[in-house]
PDB file of N, CA and C in Angstrom:
ATOM      1  N   MET A   1       0.809  -1.183   0.000  1.00  0.00           N
ATOM      2  CA  MET A   1       0.000   0.000   0.000  1.00  0.00           C
ATOM      3  C   MET A   1       0.867   1.267   0.000  1.00  0.00           C
ATOM      4  N   GLN A   2       1.911   1.249   0.807  1.00  0.00           N
ATOM      5  CA  GLN A   2       2.780   2.407   0.876  1.00  0.00           C
ATOM      6  C   GLN A   2       3.561   2.595  -0.418  1.00  0.00           C
ATOM      7  N   LEU A   3       3.851   1.505  -1.093  1.00  0.00           N
ATOM      8  CA  LEU A   3       4.558   1.582  -2.359  1.00  0.00           C
ATOM      9  C   LEU A   3       3.734   2.356  -3.382  1.00  0.00           C
ATOM     10  N   LYS A   4       2.416   2.182  -3.387  1.00  0.00           N
ATOM     11  CA  LYS A   4       1.539   2.914  -4.305  1.00  0.00           C
ATOM     12  C   LYS A   4       1.562   4.409  -4.005  1.00  0.00           C
ATOM     13  N   ARG A   5       1.615   4.758  -2.732  1.00  0.00           N
ATOM     14  CA  ARG A   5       1.676   6.170  -2.353  1.00  0.00           C
ATOM     15  C   ARG A   5       2.980   6.808  -2.829  1.00  0.00           C
ATOM     16  N   TYR A   6       4.073   6.108  -2.631  1.00  0.00           N
ATOM     17  CA  TYR A   6       5.366   6.637  -3.054  1.00  0.00           C
ATOM     18  C   TYR A   6       5.430   6.798  -4.571  1.00  0.00           C
ATOM     19  N   ILE A   7       4.930   5.822  -5.277  1.00  0.00           N
ATOM     20  CA  ILE A   7       4.926   5.890  -6.740  1.00  0.00           C
ATOM     21  C   ILE A   7       4.034   7.049  -7.197  1.00  0.00           C
ATOM     22  N   GLY A   8       2.885   7.209  -6.585  1.00  0.00           N
ATOM     23  CA  GLY A   8       1.987   8.309  -6.915  1.00  0.00           C
ATOM     24  C   GLY A   8       2.626   9.656  -6.634  1.00  0.00           C
ATOM     25  N   ALA A   9       3.305   9.766  -5.511  1.00  0.00           N
ATOM     26  CA  ALA A   9       3.978  11.016  -5.155  1.00  0.00           C
ATOM     27  C   ALA A   9       5.108  11.321  -6.136  1.00  0.00           C
ATOM     28  N   ILE A  10       5.869  10.312  -6.511  1.00  0.00           N
ATOM     29  CA  ILE A  10       6.966  10.504  -7.459  1.00  0.00           C
ATOM     30  C   ILE A  10       6.434  10.943  -8.820  1.00  0.00           C
ATOM     31  N   ILE A  11       5.360  10.323  -9.269  1.00  0.00           N
ATOM     32  CA  ILE A  11       4.752  10.698 -10.556  1.00  0.00           C
ATOM     33  C   ILE A  11       4.248  12.135 -10.495  1.00  0.00           C
ATOM     34  N   PHE A  12       3.619  12.519  -9.393  1.00  0.00           N
ATOM     35  CA  PHE A  12       3.125  13.880  -9.232  1.00  0.00           C
ATOM     36  C   PHE A  12       4.280  14.885  -9.261  1.00  0.00           C
ATOM     37  N   ILE A  13       5.337  14.611  -8.542  1.00  0.00           N
ATOM     38  CA  ILE A  13       6.485  15.516  -8.486  1.00  0.00           C
ATOM     39  C   ILE A  13       7.143  15.641  -9.852  1.00  0.00           C
ATOM     40  N   LEU A  14       7.318  14.538 -10.554  1.00  0.00           N
ATOM     41  CA  LEU A  14       7.922  14.586 -11.890  1.00  0.00           C
ATOM     42  C   LEU A  14       7.038  15.352 -12.871  1.00  0.00           C
ATOM     43  N   SER A  15       5.732  15.171 -12.770  1.00  0.00           N
ATOM     44  CA  SER A  15       4.814  15.914 -13.639  1.00  0.00           C
ATOM     45  C   SER A  15       4.901  17.404 -13.364  1.00  0.00           C
ATOM     46  N   PHE A  16       4.936  17.762 -12.104  1.00  0.00           N
ATOM     47  CA  PHE A  16       5.034  19.158 -11.708  1.00  0.00           C
ATOM     48  C   PHE A  16       6.330  19.787 -12.225  1.00  0.00           C
ATOM     49  N   LEU A  17       7.439  19.080 -12.083  1.00  0.00           N
ATOM     50  CA  LEU A  17       8.723  19.589 -12.563  1.00  0.00           C
ATOM     51  C   LEU A  17       8.747  19.701 -14.087  1.00  0.00           C
ATOM     52  N   ALA A  18       8.094  18.797 -14.772  1.00  0.00           N
ATOM     53  CA  ALA A  18       8.043  18.850 -16.237  1.00  0.00           C
ATOM     54  C   ALA A  18       7.278  20.083 -16.705  1.00  0.00           C
ATOM     55  N   VAL A  19       6.172  20.388 -16.039  1.00  0.00           N
ATOM     56  CA  VAL A  19       5.376  21.564 -16.406  1.00  0.00           C
ATOM     57  C   VAL A  19       6.176  22.833 -16.159  1.00  0.00           C
ATOM     58  N   ILE A  20       6.841  22.928 -15.039  1.00  0.00           N
ATOM     59  CA  ILE A  20       7.623  24.115 -14.707  1.00  0.00           C
ATOM     60  C   ILE A  20       8.789  24.286 -15.678  1.00  0.00           C
ATOM     61  N   SER A  21       9.450  23.216 -16.051  1.00  0.00           N
ATOM     62  CA  SER A  21      10.616  23.332 -16.928  1.00  0.00           C
ATOM     63  C   SER A  21      10.233  23.736 -18.347  1.00  0.00           C
ATOM     64  N   GLN A  22       8.985  23.519 -18.748  1.00  0.00           N
ATOM     65  CA  GLN A  22       8.551  23.883 -20.094  1.00  0.00           C
ATOM     66  C   GLN A  22       8.151  25.346 -20.201  1.00  0.00           C
ATOM     67  N   GLN A  23       7.928  26.001 -19.093  1.00  0.00           N
ATOM     68  CA  GLN A  23       7.570  27.417 -19.133  1.00  0.00           C
ATOM     69  C   GLN A  23       8.795  28.232 -19.510  1.00  0.00           C
ATOM     70  N   GLU A  24       8.562  29.271 -20.309  1.00  0.00           N
ATOM     71  CA  GLU A  24       9.652  30.137 -20.733  1.00  0.00           C
ATOM     72  C   GLU A  24       9.831  31.262 -19.729  1.00  0.00           C
ATOM     73  N   PHE A  25      11.052  31.452 -19.322  1.00  0.00           N
ATOM     74  CA  PHE A  25      11.384  32.545 -18.426  1.00  0.00           C
ATOM     75  C   PHE A  25      12.310  33.483 -19.187  1.00  0.00           C
ATOM     76  N   ASN A  26      11.735  34.523 -19.775  1.00  0.00           N
ATOM     77  CA  ASN A  26      12.513  35.482 -20.553  1.00  0.00           C
ATOM     78  C   ASN A  26      12.979  36.611 -19.647  1.00  0.00           C
ATOM     79  N   VAL A  27      14.261  36.823 -19.622  1.00  0.00           N
ATOM     80  CA  VAL A  27      14.804  37.939 -18.851  1.00  0.00           C
ATOM     81  C   VAL A  27      15.029  39.108 -19.803  1.00  0.00           C
ATOM     82  N   PRO A  28      14.986  40.326 -19.298  1.00  0.00           N
ATOM     83  CA  PRO A  28      15.200  41.473 -20.181  1.00  0.00           C
ATOM     84  C   PRO A  28      16.531  41.356 -20.908  1.00  0.00           C
ATOM     85  N   ASN A  29      16.502  41.622 -22.213  1.00  0.00           N
ATOM     86  CA  ASN A  29      17.725  41.526 -22.996  1.00  0.00           C
ATOM     87  C   ASN A  29      18.075  42.838 -23.698  1.00  0.00           C
ATOM     88  N   GLN A  30      17.264  43.869 -23.507  1.00  0.00           N
ATOM     89  CA  GLN A  30      17.537  45.171 -24.117  1.00  0.00           C
ATOM     90  C   GLN A  30      17.119  46.264 -23.137  1.00  0.00           C
ATOM     91  N   GLU A  31      17.668  47.442 -23.336  1.00  0.00           N
ATOM     92  CA  GLU A  31      17.296  48.552 -22.455  1.00  0.00           C
ATOM     93  C   GLU A  31      17.359  49.877 -23.204  1.00  0.00           C
ATOM     94  N   ILE A  32      16.587  50.826 -22.699  1.00  0.00           N
ATOM     95  CA  ILE A  32      16.582  52.205 -23.190  1.00  0.00           C
ATOM     96  C   ILE A  32      16.756  53.091 -21.968  1.00  0.00           C
ATOM     97  N   VAL A  33      17.605  54.104 -22.089  1.00  0.00           N
ATOM     98  CA  VAL A  33      17.823  55.035 -20.990  1.00  0.00           C
ATOM     99  C   VAL A  33      17.298  56.397 -21.423  1.00  0.00           C
ATOM    100  N   LEU A  34      16.373  56.946 -20.635  1.00  0.00           N
ATOM    101  CA  LEU A  34      15.835  58.284 -20.899  1.00  0.00           C
ATOM    102  C   LEU A  34      16.491  59.270 -19.939  1.00  0.00           C
ATOM    103  N   GLU A  35      17.010  60.330 -20.511  1.00  0.00           N
ATOM    104  CA  GLU A  35      17.617  61.376 -19.696  1.00  0.00           C
ATOM    105  C   GLU A  35      16.972  62.695 -20.081  1.00  0.00           C
ATOM    106  N   PHE A  36      16.472  63.422 -19.106  1.00  0.00           N
ATOM    107  CA  PHE A  36      15.820  64.702 -19.340  1.00  0.00           C
ATOM    108  C   PHE A  36      16.828  65.811 -19.110  1.00  0.00           C
ATOM    109  N   ASN A  37      17.088  66.598 -20.157  1.00  0.00           N
ATOM    110  CA  ASN A  37      18.068  67.684 -20.063  1.00  0.00           C
ATOM    111  C   ASN A  37      17.473  68.936 -19.439  1.00  0.00           C
ATOM    112  N   HIS A  38      16.195  69.131 -19.637  1.00  0.00           N
ATOM    113  CA  HIS A  38      15.533  70.319 -19.138  1.00  0.00           C
ATOM    114  C   HIS A  38      15.305  70.162 -17.637  1.00  0.00           C
ATOM    115  N   VAL A  39      15.746  71.127 -16.854  1.00  0.00           N
ATOM    116  CA  VAL A  39      15.666  71.040 -15.398  1.00  0.00           C
ATOM    117  C   VAL A  39      14.222  71.014 -14.910  1.00  0.00           C
ATOM    118  N   GLU A  40      13.338  71.697 -15.601  1.00  0.00           N
ATOM    119  CA  GLU A  40      11.969  71.840 -15.132  1.00  0.00           C
ATOM    120  C   GLU A  40      11.010  70.836 -15.775  1.00  0.00           C
ATOM    121  N   VAL A  41      11.436  69.604 -15.926  1.00  0.00           N
ATOM    122  CA  VAL A  41      10.564  68.569 -16.477  1.00  0.00           C
ATOM    123  C   VAL A  41       9.602  68.127 -15.385  1.00  0.00           C
ATOM    124  N   THR A  42       8.326  68.192 -15.690  1.00  0.00           N
ATOM    125  CA  THR A  42       7.332  67.800 -14.698  1.00  0.00           C
ATOM    126  C   THR A  42       7.179  66.283 -14.683  1.00  0.00           C
ATOM    127  N   SER A  43       6.610  65.817 -13.613  1.00  0.00           N
ATOM    128  CA  SER A  43       6.347  64.390 -13.485  1.00  0.00           C
ATOM    129  C   SER A  43       5.404  63.919 -14.591  1.00  0.00           C
ATOM    130  N   ASN A  44       4.462  64.759 -14.954  1.00  0.00           N
ATOM    131  CA  ASN A  44       3.511  64.426 -16.002  1.00  0.00           C
ATOM    132  C   ASN A  44       4.213  64.255 -17.353  1.00  0.00           C
ATOM    133  N   GLU A  45       5.169  65.140 -17.654  1.00  0.00           N
ATOM    134  CA  GLU A  45       5.920  65.031 -18.902  1.00  0.00           C
ATOM    135  C   GLU A  45       6.755  63.751 -18.932  1.00  0.00           C
ATOM    136  N   ALA A  46       7.358  63.424 -17.813  1.00  0.00           N
ATOM    137  CA  ALA A  46       8.157  62.201 -17.736  1.00  0.00           C
ATOM    138  C   ALA A  46       7.274  60.973 -17.923  1.00  0.00           C
ATOM    139  N   GLN A  47       6.111  60.961 -17.282  1.00  0.00           N
ATOM    140  CA  GLN A  47       5.196  59.834 -17.425  1.00  0.00           C
ATOM    141  C   GLN A  47       4.688  59.711 -18.847  1.00  0.00           C
ATOM    142  N   THR A  48       4.462  60.835 -19.507  1.00  0.00           N
ATOM    143  CA  THR A  48       4.013  60.821 -20.895  1.00  0.00           C
ATOM    144  C   THR A  48       5.085  60.226 -21.806  1.00  0.00           C
ATOM    145  N   ALA A  49       6.339  60.602 -21.585  1.00  0.00           N
ATOM    146  CA  ALA A  49       7.446  60.072 -22.384  1.00  0.00           C
ATOM    147  C   ALA A  49       7.601  58.571 -22.177  1.00  0.00           C
ATOM    148  N   VAL A  50       7.529  58.137 -20.928  1.00  0.00           N
ATOM    149  CA  VAL A  50       7.655  56.710 -20.621  1.00  0.00           C
ATOM    150  C   VAL A  50       6.490  55.932 -21.234  1.00  0.00           C
ATOM    151  N   ALA A  51       5.287  56.473 -21.132  1.00  0.00           N
ATOM    152  CA  ALA A  51       4.116  55.801 -21.708  1.00  0.00           C
ATOM    153  C   ALA A  51       4.251  55.671 -23.221  1.00  0.00           C
ATOM    154  N   HIS A  52       4.792  56.705 -23.870  1.00  0.00           N
ATOM    155  CA  HIS A  52       4.988  56.666 -25.316  1.00  0.00           C
ATOM    156  C   HIS A  52       6.000  55.580 -25.704  1.00  0.00           C
ATOM    157  N   VAL A  53       7.101  55.513 -24.963  1.00  0.00           N
ATOM    158  CA  VAL A  53       8.125  54.502 -25.232  1.00  0.00           C
ATOM    159  C   VAL A  53       7.559  53.105 -25.004  1.00  0.00           C
ATOM    160  N   LYS A  54       6.833  52.920 -23.897  1.00  0.00           N
ATOM    161  CA  LYS A  54       6.239  51.615 -23.601  1.00  0.00           C
ATOM    162  C   LYS A  54       5.249  51.195 -24.681  1.00  0.00           C
ATOM    163  N   GLN A  55       4.462  52.141 -25.162  1.00  0.00           N
ATOM    164  CA  GLN A  55       3.484  51.843 -26.201  1.00  0.00           C
ATOM    165  C   GLN A  55       4.185  51.392 -27.482  1.00  0.00           C
ATOM    166  N   GLN A  56       5.239  52.073 -27.844  1.00  0.00           N
ATOM    167  CA  GLN A  56       5.970  51.686 -29.046  1.00  0.00           C
ATOM    168  C   GLN A  56       6.644  50.328 -28.879  1.00  0.00           C
ATOM    169  N   LEU A  57       7.200  50.069 -27.706  1.00  0.00           N
ATOM    170  CA  LEU A  57       7.835  48.782 -27.465  1.00  0.00           C
ATOM    171  C   LEU A  57       6.826  47.649 -27.536  1.00  0.00           C
ATOM    172  N   GLN A  58       5.651  47.860 -26.962  1.00  0.00           N
ATOM    173  CA  GLN A  58       4.607  46.838 -27.032  1.00  0.00           C
ATOM    174  C   GLN A  58       4.181  46.598 -28.474  1.00  0.00           C
ATOM    175  N   GLY A  59       4.141  47.661 -29.265  1.00  0.00           N
ATOM    176  CA  GLY A  59       3.809  47.524 -30.677  1.00  0.00           C
ATOM    177  C   GLY A  59       4.855  46.725 -31.446  1.00  0.00           C
ATOM    178  N   LEU A  60       6.084  46.741 -30.961  1.00  0.00           N
ATOM    179  CA  LEU A  60       7.163  45.982 -31.588  1.00  0.00           C
ATOM    180  C   LEU A  60       7.266  44.560 -31.033  1.00  0.00           C
ATOM    181  N   GLY A  61       6.372  44.222 -30.111  1.00  0.00           N
ATOM    182  CA  GLY A  61       6.362  42.862 -29.566  1.00  0.00           C
ATOM    183  C   GLY A  61       7.182  42.673 -28.306  1.00  0.00           C
ATOM    184  N   ALA A  62       7.620  43.746 -27.684  1.00  0.00           N
ATOM    185  CA  ALA A  62       8.396  43.631 -26.445  1.00  0.00           C
ATOM    186  C   ALA A  62       7.463  43.297 -25.287  1.00  0.00           C
ATOM    187  N   ASN A  63       7.996  42.569 -24.322  1.00  0.00           N
ATOM    188  CA  ASN A  63       7.230  42.276 -23.116  1.00  0.00           C
ATOM    189  C   ASN A  63       8.148  42.371 -21.899  1.00  0.00           C
ATOM    190  N   GLN A  64       7.584  42.198 -20.755  1.00  0.00           N
ATOM    191  CA  GLN A  64       8.288  42.345 -19.479  1.00  0.00           C
ATOM    192  C   GLN A  64       8.983  43.702 -19.389  1.00  0.00           C
ATOM    193  N   ILE A  65       8.248  44.745 -19.728  1.00  0.00           N
ATOM    194  CA  ILE A  65       8.787  46.107 -19.723  1.00  0.00           C
ATOM    195  C   ILE A  65       8.792  46.629 -18.287  1.00  0.00           C
ATOM    196  N   LYS A  66       9.962  47.052 -17.824  1.00  0.00           N
ATOM    197  CA  LYS A  66      10.111  47.579 -16.468  1.00  0.00           C
ATOM    198  C   LYS A  66      10.833  48.914 -16.518  1.00  0.00           C
ATOM    199  N   VAL A  67      10.370  49.853 -15.713  1.00  0.00           N
ATOM    200  CA  VAL A  67      10.970  51.185 -15.648  1.00  0.00           C
ATOM    201  C   VAL A  67      11.593  51.355 -14.271  1.00  0.00           C
ATOM    202  N   GLN A  68      12.858  51.776 -14.265  1.00  0.00           N
ATOM    203  CA  GLN A  68      13.578  52.019 -13.012  1.00  0.00           C
ATOM    204  C   GLN A  68      14.255  53.377 -13.097  1.00  0.00           C
ATOM    205  N   GLN A  69      14.369  54.033 -11.968  1.00  0.00           N
ATOM    206  CA  GLN A  69      15.091  55.299 -11.924  1.00  0.00           C
ATOM    207  C   GLN A  69      16.483  55.030 -11.370  1.00  0.00           C
ATOM    208  N   THR A  70      17.493  55.526 -12.072  1.00  0.00           N
ATOM    209  CA  THR A  70      18.871  55.336 -11.629  1.00  0.00           C
ATOM    210  C   THR A  70      19.240  56.398 -10.601  1.00  0.00           C
ATOM    211  N   ALA A  71      20.398  56.229  -9.996  1.00  0.00           N
ATOM    212  CA  ALA A  71      20.868  57.187  -8.989  1.00  0.00           C
ATOM    213  C   ALA A  71      21.133  58.562  -9.595  1.00  0.00           C
ATOM    214  N   GLN A  72      21.443  58.605 -10.888  1.00  0.00           N
ATOM    215  CA  GLN A  72      21.712  59.876 -11.565  1.00  0.00           C
ATOM    216  C   GLN A  72      20.437  60.564 -12.037  1.00  0.00           C
ATOM    217  N   GLY A  73      19.282  59.995 -11.758  1.00  0.00           N
ATOM    218  CA  GLY A  73      18.018  60.612 -12.140  1.00  0.00           C
ATOM    219  C   GLY A  73      17.525  60.220 -13.522  1.00  0.00           C
ATOM    220  N   LYS A  74      18.217  59.312 -14.178  1.00  0.00           N
ATOM    221  CA  LYS A  74      17.794  58.832 -15.488  1.00  0.00           C
ATOM    222  C   LYS A  74      16.762  57.730 -15.310  1.00  0.00           C
ATOM    223  N   LEU A  75      15.957  57.527 -16.338  1.00  0.00           N
ATOM    224  CA  LEU A  75      14.983  56.434 -16.321  1.00  0.00           C
ATOM    225  C   LEU A  75      15.499  55.321 -17.216  1.00  0.00           C
ATOM    226  N   LYS A  76      15.613  54.127 -16.671  1.00  0.00           N
ATOM    227  CA  LYS A  76      16.086  52.977 -17.428  1.00  0.00           C
ATOM    228  C   LYS A  76      14.903  52.051 -17.679  1.00  0.00           C
ATOM    229  N   ILE A  77      14.620  51.809 -18.946  1.00  0.00           N
ATOM    230  CA  ILE A  77      13.518  50.934 -19.342  1.00  0.00           C
ATOM    231  C   ILE A  77      14.134  49.646 -19.873  1.00  0.00           C
ATOM    232  N   THR A  78      13.927  48.546 -19.160  1.00  0.00           N
ATOM    233  CA  THR A  78      14.425  47.250 -19.606  1.00  0.00           C
ATOM    234  C   THR A  78      13.245  46.434 -20.110  1.00  0.00           C
ATOM    235  N   TYR A  79      13.515  45.587 -21.093  1.00  0.00           N
ATOM    236  CA  TYR A  79      12.447  44.788 -21.694  1.00  0.00           C
ATOM    237  C   TYR A  79      13.034  43.602 -22.422  1.00  0.00           C
ATOM    238  N   TYR A  80      12.173  42.632 -22.715  1.00  0.00           N
ATOM    239  CA  TYR A  80      12.566  41.475 -23.513  1.00  0.00           C
ATOM    240  C   TYR A  80      11.952  41.629 -24.891  1.00  0.00           C
ATOM    241  N   SER A  81      12.763  41.415 -25.915  1.00  0.00           N
ATOM    242  CA  SER A  81      12.267  41.510 -27.278  1.00  0.00           C
ATOM    243  C   SER A  81      13.021  40.541 -28.172  1.00  0.00           C
ATOM    244  N   ASP A  82      12.278  39.872 -29.054  1.00  0.00           N
ATOM    245  CA  ASP A  82      12.897  39.022 -30.064  1.00  0.00           C
ATOM    246  C   ASP A  82      13.382  39.857 -31.242  1.00  0.00           C
ATOM    247  N   ALA A  83      12.869  41.077 -31.359  1.00  0.00           N
ATOM    248  CA  ALA A  83      13.270  41.963 -32.458  1.00  0.00           C
ATOM    249  C   ALA A  83      14.715  42.395 -32.245  1.00  0.00           C
ATOM    250  N   ASP A  84      15.430  42.564 -33.346  1.00  0.00           N
ATOM    251  CA  ASP A  84      16.815  42.992 -33.227  1.00  0.00           C
ATOM    252  C   ASP A  84      16.893  44.468 -32.858  1.00  0.00           C
ATOM    253  N   VAL A  85      18.000  44.834 -32.283  1.00  0.00           N
ATOM    254  CA  VAL A  85      18.191  46.195 -31.792  1.00  0.00           C
ATOM    255  C   VAL A  85      18.109  47.199 -32.935  1.00  0.00           C
ATOM    256  N   ALA A  86      18.604  46.814 -34.107  1.00  0.00           N
ATOM    257  CA  ALA A  86      18.607  47.741 -35.255  1.00  0.00           C
ATOM    258  C   ALA A  86      17.198  48.173 -35.636  1.00  0.00           C
ATOM    259  N   SER A  87      16.242  47.244 -35.622  1.00  0.00           N
ATOM    260  CA  SER A  87      14.874  47.622 -35.995  1.00  0.00           C
ATOM    261  C   SER A  87      14.229  48.512 -34.936  1.00  0.00           C
ATOM    262  N   ILE A  88      14.558  48.288 -33.687  1.00  0.00           N
ATOM    263  CA  ILE A  88      14.012  49.125 -32.618  1.00  0.00           C
ATOM    264  C   ILE A  88      14.641  50.519 -32.678  1.00  0.00           C
ATOM    265  N   LYS A  89      15.942  50.578 -32.932  1.00  0.00           N
ATOM    266  CA  LYS A  89      16.603  51.877 -33.085  1.00  0.00           C
ATOM    267  C   LYS A  89      16.000  52.646 -34.256  1.00  0.00           C
ATOM    268  N   LYS A  90      15.710  51.931 -35.322  1.00  0.00           N
ATOM    269  CA  LYS A  90      15.132  52.570 -36.501  1.00  0.00           C
ATOM    270  C   LYS A  90      13.785  53.202 -36.165  1.00  0.00           C
ATOM    271  N   THR A  91      12.964  52.495 -35.397  1.00  0.00           N
ATOM    272  CA  THR A  91      11.655  53.010 -35.003  1.00  0.00           C
ATOM    273  C   THR A  91      11.806  54.272 -34.159  1.00  0.00           C
ATOM    274  N   PHE A  92      12.698  54.237 -33.184  1.00  0.00           N
ATOM    275  CA  PHE A  92      12.886  55.397 -32.324  1.00  0.00           C
ATOM    276  C   PHE A  92      13.613  56.527 -33.049  1.00  0.00           C
ATOM    277  N   SER A  93      14.450  56.203 -34.010  1.00  0.00           N
ATOM    278  CA  SER A  93      15.115  57.239 -34.799  1.00  0.00           C
ATOM    279  C   SER A  93      14.099  58.027 -35.610  1.00  0.00           C
ATOM    280  N   LYS A  94      13.074  57.351 -36.118  1.00  0.00           N
ATOM    281  CA  LYS A  94      12.012  58.041 -36.842  1.00  0.00           C
ATOM    282  C   LYS A  94      11.327  59.044 -35.928  1.00  0.00           C
ATOM    283  N   ASP A  95      11.086  58.660 -34.671  1.00  0.00           N
ATOM    284  CA  ASP A  95      10.473  59.578 -33.708  1.00  0.00           C
ATOM    285  C   ASP A  95      11.383  60.774 -33.435  1.00  0.00           C
ATOM    286  N   LEU A  96      12.685  60.507 -33.315  1.00  0.00           N
ATOM    287  CA  LEU A  96      13.616  61.614 -33.074  1.00  0.00           C
ATOM    288  C   LEU A  96      13.650  62.550 -34.265  1.00  0.00           C
ATOM    289  N   ASP A  97      13.575  61.985 -35.484  1.00  0.00           N
ATOM    290  CA  ASP A  97      13.532  62.824 -36.679  1.00  0.00           C
ATOM    291  C   ASP A  97      12.249  63.634 -36.744  1.00  0.00           C
ATOM    292  N   ASN A  98      11.157  63.055 -36.251  1.00  0.00           N
ATOM    293  CA  ASN A  98       9.866  63.750 -36.254  1.00  0.00           C
ATOM    294  C   ASN A  98       9.716  64.679 -35.056  1.00  0.00           C
ATOM    295  N   LYS A  99      10.748  64.800 -34.252  1.00  0.00           N
ATOM    296  CA  LYS A  99      10.774  65.684 -33.084  1.00  0.00           C
ATOM    297  C   LYS A  99       9.787  65.267 -31.996  1.00  0.00           C
ATOM    298  N   THR A 100       9.436  63.980 -31.946  1.00  0.00           N
ATOM    299  CA  THR A 100       8.522  63.524 -30.907  1.00  0.00           C
ATOM    300  C   THR A 100       9.138  63.699 -29.526  1.00  0.00           C
ATOM    301  N   PHE A 101      10.409  63.343 -29.390  1.00  0.00           N
ATOM    302  CA  PHE A 101      11.055  63.449 -28.093  1.00  0.00           C
ATOM    303  C   PHE A 101      11.754  64.788 -27.912  1.00  0.00           C
ATOM    304  N   SER A 102      12.399  65.276 -28.952  1.00  0.00           N
ATOM    305  CA  SER A 102      13.249  66.445 -28.785  1.00  0.00           C
ATOM    306  C   SER A 102      12.478  67.744 -28.622  1.00  0.00           C
ATOM    307  N   LYS A 103      11.194  67.772 -28.906  1.00  0.00           N
ATOM    308  CA  LYS A 103      10.469  69.030 -28.774  1.00  0.00           C
ATOM    309  C   LYS A 103      10.354  69.484 -27.327  1.00  0.00           C
ATOM    310  N   ASN A 104      10.525  68.556 -26.381  1.00  0.00           N
ATOM    311  CA  ASN A 104      10.495  68.912 -24.966  1.00  0.00           C
ATOM    312  C   ASN A 104      11.880  68.849 -24.343  1.00  0.00           C
ATOM    313  N   ASN A 105      12.908  69.011 -25.184  1.00  0.00           N
ATOM    314  CA  ASN A 105      14.297  68.990 -24.719  1.00  0.00           C
ATOM    315  C   ASN A 105      14.655  67.702 -23.998  1.00  0.00           C
ATOM    316  N   ARG A 106      14.254  66.596 -24.537  1.00  0.00           N
ATOM    317  CA  ARG A 106      14.573  65.314 -23.941  1.00  0.00           C
ATOM    318  C   ARG A 106      15.674  64.643 -24.750  1.00  0.00           C
ATOM    319  N   LYS A 107      16.523  63.940 -24.074  1.00  0.00           N
ATOM    320  CA  LYS A 107      17.570  63.178 -24.726  1.00  0.00           C
ATOM    321  C   LYS A 107      17.270  61.702 -24.511  1.00  0.00           C
ATOM    322  N   THR A 108      17.362  60.918 -25.566  1.00  0.00           N
ATOM    323  CA  THR A 108      17.069  59.499 -25.458  1.00  0.00           C
ATOM    324  C   THR A 108      18.251  58.699 -25.964  1.00  0.00           C
ATOM    325  N   GLU A 109      18.703  57.755 -25.154  1.00  0.00           N
ATOM    326  CA  GLU A 109      19.700  56.812 -25.621  1.00  0.00           C
ATOM    327  C   GLU A 109      18.940  55.617 -26.176  1.00  0.00           C
ATOM    328  N   LEU A 110      19.267  55.224 -27.382  1.00  0.00           N
ATOM    329  CA  LEU A 110      18.556  54.137 -28.034  1.00  0.00           C
ATOM    330  C   LEU A 110      18.928  52.803 -27.401  1.00  0.00           C
ATOM    331  N   PRO A 111      18.151  51.739 -27.676  1.00  0.00           N
ATOM    332  CA  PRO A 111      18.364  50.464 -26.987  1.00  0.00           C
ATOM    333  C   PRO A 111      19.747  49.875 -27.235  1.00  0.00           C
ATOM    334  N   THR A 112      20.216  49.194 -26.217  1.00  0.00           N
ATOM    335  CA  THR A 112      21.467  48.461 -26.344  1.00  0.00           C
ATOM    336  C   THR A 112      21.149  46.980 -26.233  1.00  0.00           C
ATOM    337  N   ASN A 113      21.981  46.191 -26.803  1.00  0.00           N
ATOM    338  CA  ASN A 113      21.758  44.749 -26.805  1.00  0.00           C
ATOM    339  C   ASN A 113      22.447  44.143 -25.589  1.00  0.00           C
ATOM    340  N   THR A 114      22.001  44.510 -24.418  1.00  0.00           N
ATOM    341  CA  THR A 114      22.566  44.010 -23.183  1.00  0.00           C
ATOM    342  C   THR A 114      21.826  42.750 -22.782  1.00  0.00           C
ATOM    343  N   LYS A 115      22.563  41.697 -22.564  1.00  0.00           N
ATOM    344  CA  LYS A 115      21.946  40.450 -22.136  1.00  0.00           C
ATOM    345  C   LYS A 115      22.328  40.200 -20.685  1.00  0.00           C
ATOM    346  N   TYR A 116      21.339  39.929 -19.897  1.00  0.00           N
ATOM    347  CA  TYR A 116      21.567  39.631 -18.489  1.00  0.00           C
ATOM    348  C   TYR A 116      21.677  38.130 -18.334  1.00  0.00           C
ATOM    349  N   ARG A 117      22.601  37.706 -17.547  1.00  0.00           N
ATOM    350  CA  ARG A 117      22.794  36.272 -17.333  1.00  0.00           C
ATOM    351  C   ARG A 117      22.473  35.937 -15.897  1.00  0.00           C
ATOM    352  N   LEU A 118      21.918  34.759 -15.717  1.00  0.00           N
ATOM    353  CA  LEU A 118      21.585  34.310 -14.372  1.00  0.00           C
ATOM    354  C   LEU A 118      22.741  33.562 -13.766  1.00  0.00           C
TER     355      LEU A 118
END
């Protein structure tokens, strides 16, 4: 009787581990750093810029988008994307050419292909 319990428990544990191992855990592999040059940038303007960047990244298929503020006051947006950095830079370069970001004296560093390792 106890042998059946052990076998059942082992099967359950192996099934559970199989399900967990099949899930994809994508870590951020690209980042964008936003730096505001204008001293009087309001919180609303910063949130608008971040929302615009996030919207464009989502349109490009990026996920796990996270925004962090660095010690220097810059905003670092990390995300996971299968798209290559060149295509993302191209999209944001079009915005810079159209003065989407620069009209409010904002400086944007385009994405880098930084891969985080566990």
